[in-house]
Protein backbone atom coordinates (compact mmCIF):
# COMPACT_ATOMS: atom_id res chain seq x y z
CA UNK A 1 0.00 0.00 0.00
CA UNK A 2 1.07 3.49 -0.67
CA UNK A 3 1.70 5.79 2.33
CA UNK A 4 -0.08 8.55 0.42
CA UNK A 5 -3.29 6.52 0.59
CA UNK A 6 -3.19 6.75 4.38
CA UNK A 7 -4.06 10.38 4.69
CA UNK A 8 -5.11 11.41 8.15
CA UNK A 9 -8.39 9.57 8.33
CA UNK A 10 -9.27 10.84 11.72
CA UNK A 11 -10.73 14.15 10.54
CA UNK A 12 -13.22 15.50 13.04
CA UNK A 13 -16.80 15.09 11.92
CA UNK A 14 -19.19 18.00 12.35
CA UNK A 15 -21.54 17.50 15.28
CA UNK A 16 -25.00 16.34 14.34
CA UNK A 17 -27.78 18.63 15.36
CA UNK A 18 -30.37 16.43 16.98
CA UNK A 19 -33.93 17.64 17.44
CA UNK A 20 -34.92 18.12 21.04
CA UNK A 21 -38.44 16.72 21.20
CA UNK A 22 -40.27 13.90 19.48
CA UNK A 23 -42.54 16.14 17.41
CA UNK A 24 -39.57 18.06 16.04
CA UNK A 25 -37.90 14.79 15.10
CA UNK A 26 -40.99 13.79 13.15
CA UNK A 27 -41.05 17.15 11.33
CA UNK A 28 -37.35 16.90 10.45
CA UNK A 29 -37.85 13.34 9.20
CA UNK A 30 -40.76 14.46 6.96
CA UNK A 31 -39.08 17.58 5.57
CA UNK A 32 -35.60 16.13 5.25
CA UNK A 33 -34.13 19.40 6.47
CA UNK A 34 -31.81 19.65 9.39
CA UNK A 35 -33.44 22.81 10.79
CA UNK A 36 -36.69 22.37 12.69
CA UNK A 37 -39.53 24.58 11.58
CA UNK A 38 -41.13 27.17 13.83
CA UNK A 39 -44.54 25.53 13.68
CA UNK A 40 -44.77 22.38 15.73
CA UNK A 41 -46.30 19.29 14.20
CA UNK A 42 -49.54 17.94 15.56
CA UNK A 43 -48.93 15.55 18.44
CA UNK A 44 -52.02 13.39 17.98
CA UNK A 45 -50.32 10.50 16.19
CA UNK A 46 -46.64 10.42 16.93
CA UNK A 47 -44.68 8.19 14.58
CA UNK A 48 -42.58 5.44 16.07
CA UNK A 49 -38.84 6.12 16.29
CA UNK A 50 -36.73 4.39 13.73
CA UNK A 51 -34.85 1.33 14.87
CA UNK A 52 -31.11 1.86 14.98
CA UNK A 53 -29.18 -0.08 12.41
CA UNK A 54 -27.05 -2.67 14.16
CA UNK A 55 -23.38 -2.44 13.42
CA UNK A 56 -21.48 -5.57 12.64
CA UNK A 57 -18.60 -6.70 14.78
CA UNK A 58 -16.17 -5.65 12.07
CA UNK A 59 -17.63 -2.14 12.07
CA UNK A 60 -17.40 -1.93 15.84
CA UNK A 61 -13.78 -3.08 15.90
CA UNK A 62 -12.70 -0.88 12.99
CA UNK A 63 -10.16 1.61 14.34
CA UNK A 64 -9.07 3.04 11.01
CA UNK A 65 -10.93 6.25 11.84
CA UNK A 66 -8.72 6.78 14.87
CA UNK A 67 -5.34 5.43 13.77
CA UNK A 68 -3.47 6.50 10.66
CA UNK A 69 -0.29 5.18 9.05
CA UNK A 70 1.70 8.15 10.33
CA UNK A 71 0.55 7.49 13.88
CA UNK A 72 1.65 3.87 13.66
CA UNK A 73 5.05 4.80 12.22
CA UNK A 74 5.64 7.46 14.88
CA UNK A 75 4.78 5.04 17.69
CA UNK A 76 6.41 1.93 16.24
CA UNK A 77 9.03 1.71 19.00
CA UNK A 78 6.32 1.88 21.68
CA UNK A 79 4.25 -0.77 19.86
CA UNK A 80 7.28 -3.06 19.66
CA UNK A 81 7.98 -2.46 23.35
CA UNK A 82 4.40 -3.44 24.26
CA UNK A 83 4.70 -6.55 22.07
CA UNK A 84 7.95 -7.48 23.82
CA UNK A 85 6.30 -7.01 27.21
CA UNK A 86 3.43 -9.25 26.12
CA UNK A 87 5.88 -11.97 25.04
CA UNK A 88 7.75 -11.67 28.34
CA UNK A 89 4.45 -11.94 30.23
CA UNK A 90 3.46 -15.09 28.31
CA UNK A 91 6.89 -16.66 28.83
CA UNK A 92 6.79 -15.86 32.54
CA UNK A 93 3.35 -17.45 32.85
CA UNK A 94 4.53 -20.65 31.14
CA UNK A 95 7.67 -20.74 33.29
CA UNK A 96 5.63 -20.30 36.48
CA UNK A 97 3.23 -23.09 35.49
CA UNK A 98 6.16 -25.40 34.72
CA UNK A 99 7.74 -24.57 38.08
CA UNK A 100 4.48 -25.26 39.92
CA UNK A 101 4.18 -28.65 38.21
CA UNK A 102 7.77 -29.49 39.16
CA UNK A 103 7.18 -28.44 42.78
CA UNK A 104 4.02 -30.56 43.01
CA UNK A 105 5.86 -33.57 41.55
CA UNK A 106 8.72 -33.13 44.04
CA UNK A 107 6.21 -32.87 46.92
CA UNK A 108 4.66 -36.18 45.89
CA UNK A 109 8.09 -37.81 45.70
CA UNK A 110 9.06 -36.46 49.13
CA UNK A 111 5.85 -37.83 50.66
CA UNK A 112 6.45 -41.23 49.07
CA UNK A 113 10.06 -41.35 50.29
CA UNK A 114 8.95 -40.29 53.78
CA UNK A 115 6.52 -43.21 53.95
CA UNK A 116 9.20 -45.60 52.71
CA UNK A 117 11.58 -44.29 55.40
CA UNK A 118 8.98 -44.70 58.15
CA UNK A 119 8.19 -48.24 56.98
CA UNK A 120 11.88 -49.24 56.92
CA UNK A 121 12.47 -47.63 60.32
CA UNK A 122 9.58 -49.50 61.96
CA UNK A 123 10.74 -52.81 60.43
CA UNK A 124 14.28 -52.20 61.74
CA UNK A 125 12.98 -51.39 65.20
CA UNK A 126 10.95 -54.60 65.19
CA UNK A 127 13.89 -56.75 64.02
CA UNK A 128 16.39 -55.21 66.45
CA UNK A 129 14.50 -56.21 69.62
CA UNK A 130 16.46 -58.60 71.82
CA UNK A 131 13.85 -61.33 71.62
CA UNK A 132 13.64 -61.09 67.82
CA UNK A 133 17.44 -61.19 67.44
CA UNK A 134 17.61 -64.26 69.75
CA UNK A 135 14.98 -66.04 67.66
CA UNK A 136 16.80 -65.26 64.39
CA UNK A 137 20.26 -66.45 65.55
CA UNK A 138 18.91 -69.55 67.31
CA UNK A 139 18.85 -71.23 63.90
CA UNK A 140 22.66 -70.80 63.67
CA UNK A 141 23.08 -72.57 67.02
CA UNK A 142 23.92 -69.36 68.86
CA UNK A 143 22.13 -69.05 72.19
CA UNK A 144 21.44 -66.23 74.57
CA UNK A 145 23.52 -66.21 77.76
CA UNK A 146 21.69 -67.13 80.93
CA UNK A 147 24.46 -65.92 83.27
CA UNK A 148 25.87 -62.43 83.33
CA UNK A 149 29.31 -61.85 81.81
CA UNK A 150 32.36 -62.21 84.03
CA UNK A 151 34.99 -59.52 84.36
CA UNK A 152 38.53 -60.62 83.67
CA UNK A 153 41.31 -58.87 85.53
CA UNK A 154 44.80 -58.84 84.05
CA UNK A 155 47.93 -58.68 86.22
CA UNK A 156 50.13 -55.83 85.26
CA UNK A 157 53.30 -57.58 86.39
CA UNK A 158 53.44 -59.97 83.48
CA UNK A 159 54.42 -57.58 80.73
């Protein structure tokens, strides 16, 4: 497209002069003039107001009346800065979601390892009782002492 085609489109439009009362609106609609006449129209049968024409979504979103090519060119650095900020925001959101998933996964693993630790600890406590140890080594023909151990004293003269 040619930059000359993008002449400042946002020219101010002259304000519309709207009639004040319903009868004047009817008179203006009949005459087709924009100036109301001095004689008021009879108010016996007031015509219904015209339904407003619905604008399409494209017409509502059309900003060409407000933004021209020159405006875009002048503010290109700001537009690029906003686009960069939007990309940084999207990246940060994805990074945060990934971090949250990783944290949740690590929490599950820590809970699982904690239960495994508690299970192993309770099994070790059960197997390390004196009665349990005596029962396990009885198969190897090792028996528990019935008498207390005897102290042995060594003479220091024999060196």
